[in-house]
Amino acid sequence: MRRYTLRLDENQDADLVRWLDQARAEGGYGAVSRRLREALRAAYEAENRRPSHTAEAWQVDLSALLPQIRSTVEAAVMSVLGQIQLVAAVGTTADTADEAEALLDGLSADLLLDEEDSNGMA
């Protein structure tokens, strides 16, 4: 026979202490053991009857939280954007205009496809 010790706190477990004291008053320590075995068996059987934890059992509908999620994300984005400062330096000299035109010409040349490339041939 195995022996297990159960420790109960009189404040936190007052309901269980009363329940076990009542069992002892009705039938001695044998009644306490019988009640504990019955309670353990009932809990064990209830646990075995529970459906297995499948993916469907853990699905949660978060649609009610979408407004809160959206406002949280928006606040985070606004916070980050508030910390970014864009500075555009536009020159009025001819050199700056020439540099910008050269840059745009270079970009457009990179974006154009040869006739062979557009037909799928290399």
C-alpha atoms as a PDB file:
ATOM      1  CA  MET A   1       0.000   0.000   0.000  1.00  0.00           C
ATOM      2  CA  ARG A   2       1.265   3.459  -0.877  1.00  0.00           C
ATOM      3  CA  ARG A   3       0.808   6.351   1.445  1.00  0.00           C
ATOM      4  CA  TYR A   4       0.373   9.966   0.291  1.00  0.00           C
ATOM      5  CA  THR A   5       0.352  13.011   2.511  1.00  0.00           C
ATOM      6  CA  LEU A   6      -1.958  15.884   1.711  1.00  0.00           C
ATOM      7  CA  ARG A   7      -1.223  19.230   3.341  1.00  0.00           C
ATOM      8  CA  LEU A   8      -4.015  21.781   3.498  1.00  0.00           C
ATOM      9  CA  ASP A   9      -3.797  25.400   4.546  1.00  0.00           C
ATOM     10  CA  GLU A  10      -6.606  26.285   6.944  1.00  0.00           C
ATOM     11  CA  ASN A  11      -7.093  29.685   5.292  1.00  0.00           C
ATOM     12  CA  GLN A  12      -6.788  28.797   1.617  1.00  0.00           C
ATOM     13  CA  ASP A  13      -8.386  25.351   1.866  1.00  0.00           C
ATOM     14  CA  ALA A  14     -11.036  26.018   4.535  1.00  0.00           C
ATOM     15  CA  ASP A  15     -13.765  24.422   2.396  1.00  0.00           C
ATOM     16  CA  LEU A  16     -11.765  21.203   1.975  1.00  0.00           C
ATOM     17  CA  VAL A  17     -10.840  21.123   5.669  1.00  0.00           C
ATOM     18  CA  ARG A  18     -14.537  21.383   6.615  1.00  0.00           C
ATOM     19  CA  TRP A  19     -15.450  18.675   4.084  1.00  0.00           C
ATOM     20  CA  LEU A  20     -12.799  16.281   5.438  1.00  0.00           C
ATOM     21  CA  ASP A  21     -13.606  17.101   9.079  1.00  0.00           C
ATOM     22  CA  GLN A  22     -17.253  16.272   8.351  1.00  0.00           C
ATOM     23  CA  ALA A  23     -16.204  12.929   6.833  1.00  0.00           C
ATOM     24  CA  ARG A  24     -14.083  12.134   9.906  1.00  0.00           C
ATOM     25  CA  ALA A  25     -16.972  13.044  12.224  1.00  0.00           C
ATOM     26  CA  GLU A  26     -19.304  10.742  10.299  1.00  0.00           C
ATOM     27  CA  GLY A  27     -17.072   7.696   9.965  1.00  0.00           C
ATOM     28  CA  GLY A  28     -13.551   8.240  11.247  1.00  0.00           C
ATOM     29  CA  TYR A  29     -10.354   8.313   9.219  1.00  0.00           C
ATOM     30  CA  GLY A  30     -11.641   5.536   6.951  1.00  0.00           C
ATOM     31  CA  ALA A  31     -14.404   7.862   5.801  1.00  0.00           C
ATOM     32  CA  VAL A  32     -11.819  10.561   5.016  1.00  0.00           C
ATOM     33  CA  SER A  33      -9.810   8.121   2.887  1.00  0.00           C
ATOM     34  CA  ARG A  34     -12.985   6.928   1.132  1.00  0.00           C
ATOM     35  CA  ARG A  35     -14.053  10.500   0.299  1.00  0.00           C
ATOM     36  CA  LEU A  36     -10.600  11.385  -1.013  1.00  0.00           C
ATOM     37  CA  ARG A  37     -10.479   8.242  -3.200  1.00  0.00           C
ATOM     38  CA  GLU A  38     -13.972   8.999  -4.571  1.00  0.00           C
ATOM     39  CA  ALA A  39     -13.021  12.613  -5.327  1.00  0.00           C
ATOM     40  CA  LEU A  40      -9.775  11.559  -7.023  1.00  0.00           C
ATOM     41  CA  ARG A  41     -11.560   8.929  -9.127  1.00  0.00           C
ATOM     42  CA  ALA A  42     -14.231  11.426 -10.183  1.00  0.00           C
ATOM     43  CA  ALA A  43     -11.567  13.944 -11.225  1.00  0.00           C
ATOM     44  CA  TYR A  44      -9.590  11.239 -13.037  1.00  0.00           C
ATOM     45  CA  GLU A  45     -12.671  10.031 -14.963  1.00  0.00           C
ATOM     46  CA  ALA A  46     -13.666  13.592 -15.860  1.00  0.00           C
ATOM     47  CA  GLU A  47     -10.194  14.233 -17.206  1.00  0.00           C
ATOM     48  CA  ASN A  48     -10.287  11.066 -19.321  1.00  0.00           C
ATOM     49  CA  ARG A  49     -13.712  11.991 -20.768  1.00  0.00           C
ATOM     50  CA  ARG A  50     -12.470  15.382 -21.933  1.00  0.00           C
ATOM     51  CA  PRO A  51     -11.923  15.590 -25.693  1.00  0.00           C
ATOM     52  CA  SER A  52      -8.320  15.528 -26.786  1.00  0.00           C
ATOM     53  CA  HIS A  53      -6.701  18.887 -27.430  1.00  0.00           C
ATOM     54  CA  THR A  54      -6.934  19.225 -31.176  1.00  0.00           C
ATOM     55  CA  ALA A  55      -6.231  22.270 -33.279  1.00  0.00           C
ATOM     56  CA  GLU A  56      -9.962  22.986 -33.484  1.00  0.00           C
ATOM     57  CA  ALA A  57     -10.263  22.976 -29.693  1.00  0.00           C
ATOM     58  CA  TRP A  58      -7.737  25.793 -29.395  1.00  0.00           C
ATOM     59  CA  GLN A  59      -9.095  28.107 -32.104  1.00  0.00           C
ATOM     60  CA  VAL A  60     -10.071  31.500 -30.789  1.00  0.00           C
ATOM     61  CA  ASP A  61     -12.156  34.162 -32.513  1.00  0.00           C
ATOM     62  CA  LEU A  62     -10.165  37.374 -32.230  1.00  0.00           C
ATOM     63  CA  SER A  63     -12.468  39.454 -34.427  1.00  0.00           C
ATOM     64  CA  ALA A  64     -13.797  41.283 -31.363  1.00  0.00           C
ATOM     65  CA  LEU A  65     -10.241  42.398 -30.622  1.00  0.00           C
ATOM     66  CA  LEU A  66      -9.577  43.804 -34.111  1.00  0.00           C
ATOM     67  CA  PRO A  67     -10.463  47.426 -33.210  1.00  0.00           C
ATOM     68  CA  GLN A  68      -8.119  47.305 -30.222  1.00  0.00           C
ATOM     69  CA  ILE A  69      -5.375  45.640 -32.282  1.00  0.00           C
ATOM     70  CA  ARG A  70      -5.818  48.250 -35.036  1.00  0.00           C
ATOM     71  CA  SER A  71      -5.626  51.171 -32.585  1.00  0.00           C
ATOM     72  CA  THR A  72      -2.547  49.668 -30.921  1.00  0.00           C
ATOM     73  CA  VAL A  73      -0.781  49.244 -34.263  1.00  0.00           C
ATOM     74  CA  GLU A  74      -1.791  52.744 -35.384  1.00  0.00           C
ATOM     75  CA  ALA A  75      -0.467  54.243 -32.153  1.00  0.00           C
ATOM     76  CA  ALA A  76       2.817  52.375 -32.577  1.00  0.00           C
ATOM     77  CA  VAL A  77       3.177  53.521 -36.193  1.00  0.00           C
ATOM     78  CA  MET A  78       2.364  57.128 -35.261  1.00  0.00           C
ATOM     79  CA  SER A  79       4.925  56.975 -32.463  1.00  0.00           C
ATOM     80  CA  VAL A  80       7.620  55.772 -34.851  1.00  0.00           C
ATOM     81  CA  LEU A  81       6.666  58.269 -37.538  1.00  0.00           C
ATOM     82  CA  GLY A  82       6.734  61.052 -34.961  1.00  0.00           C
ATOM     83  CA  GLN A  83      10.375  60.253 -34.301  1.00  0.00           C
ATOM     84  CA  ILE A  84      11.388  60.374 -37.971  1.00  0.00           C
ATOM     85  CA  GLN A  85      12.331  63.696 -39.453  1.00  0.00           C
ATOM     86  CA  LEU A  86      12.644  63.959 -43.208  1.00  0.00           C
ATOM     87  CA  VAL A  87      14.844  66.680 -44.546  1.00  0.00           C
ATOM     88  CA  ALA A  88      14.831  67.520 -48.217  1.00  0.00           C
ATOM     89  CA  ALA A  89      17.646  69.716 -49.373  1.00  0.00           C
ATOM     90  CA  VAL A  90      16.834  71.202 -52.746  1.00  0.00           C
ATOM     91  CA  GLY A  91      19.530  73.207 -54.388  1.00  0.00           C
ATOM     92  CA  THR A  92      18.869  75.924 -56.912  1.00  0.00           C
ATOM     93  CA  THR A  93      22.166  75.789 -58.669  1.00  0.00           C
ATOM     94  CA  ALA A  94      22.576  74.435 -62.158  1.00  0.00           C
ATOM     95  CA  ASP A  95      24.946  71.742 -60.841  1.00  0.00           C
ATOM     96  CA  THR A  96      22.237  70.328 -58.569  1.00  0.00           C
ATOM     97  CA  ALA A  97      19.724  70.266 -61.404  1.00  0.00           C
ATOM     98  CA  ASP A  98      22.257  68.537 -63.657  1.00  0.00           C
ATOM     99  CA  GLU A  99      22.978  65.946 -60.940  1.00  0.00           C
ATOM    100  CA  ALA A 100      19.270  65.250 -60.477  1.00  0.00           C
ATOM    101  CA  GLU A 101      18.731  64.896 -64.218  1.00  0.00           C
ATOM    102  CA  ALA A 102      21.686  62.537 -64.501  1.00  0.00           C
ATOM    103  CA  LEU A 103      20.349  60.453 -61.612  1.00  0.00           C
ATOM    104  CA  LEU A 104      16.879  60.229 -63.203  1.00  0.00           C
ATOM    105  CA  ASP A 105      18.358  59.329 -66.575  1.00  0.00           C
ATOM    106  CA  GLY A 106      20.385  56.567 -64.928  1.00  0.00           C
ATOM    107  CA  LEU A 107      17.314  55.201 -63.178  1.00  0.00           C
ATOM    108  CA  SER A 108      15.192  55.213 -66.315  1.00  0.00           C
ATOM    109  CA  ALA A 109      17.943  53.438 -68.231  1.00  0.00           C
ATOM    110  CA  ASP A 110      18.024  50.705 -65.562  1.00  0.00           C
ATOM    111  CA  LEU A 111      14.245  50.269 -65.765  1.00  0.00           C
ATOM    112  CA  LEU A 112      14.032  49.903 -69.564  1.00  0.00           C
ATOM    113  CA  LEU A 113      14.066  46.419 -71.012  1.00  0.00           C
ATOM    114  CA  ASP A 114      15.742  45.437 -74.228  1.00  0.00           C
ATOM    115  CA  GLU A 115      13.519  44.068 -76.997  1.00  0.00           C
ATOM    116  CA  GLU A 116      14.943  40.609 -76.380  1.00  0.00           C
ATOM    117  CA  ASP A 117      14.179  40.766 -72.618  1.00  0.00           C
ATOM    118  CA  SER A 118      10.515  41.739 -73.134  1.00  0.00           C
ATOM    119  CA  ASN A 119       9.960  38.692 -75.400  1.00  0.00           C
ATOM    120  CA  GLY A 120      11.339  36.367 -72.771  1.00  0.00           C
ATOM    121  CA  MET A 121      14.617  35.745 -74.578  1.00  0.00           C
ATOM    122  CA  ALA A 122      18.011  36.485 -73.182  1.00  0.00           C
END
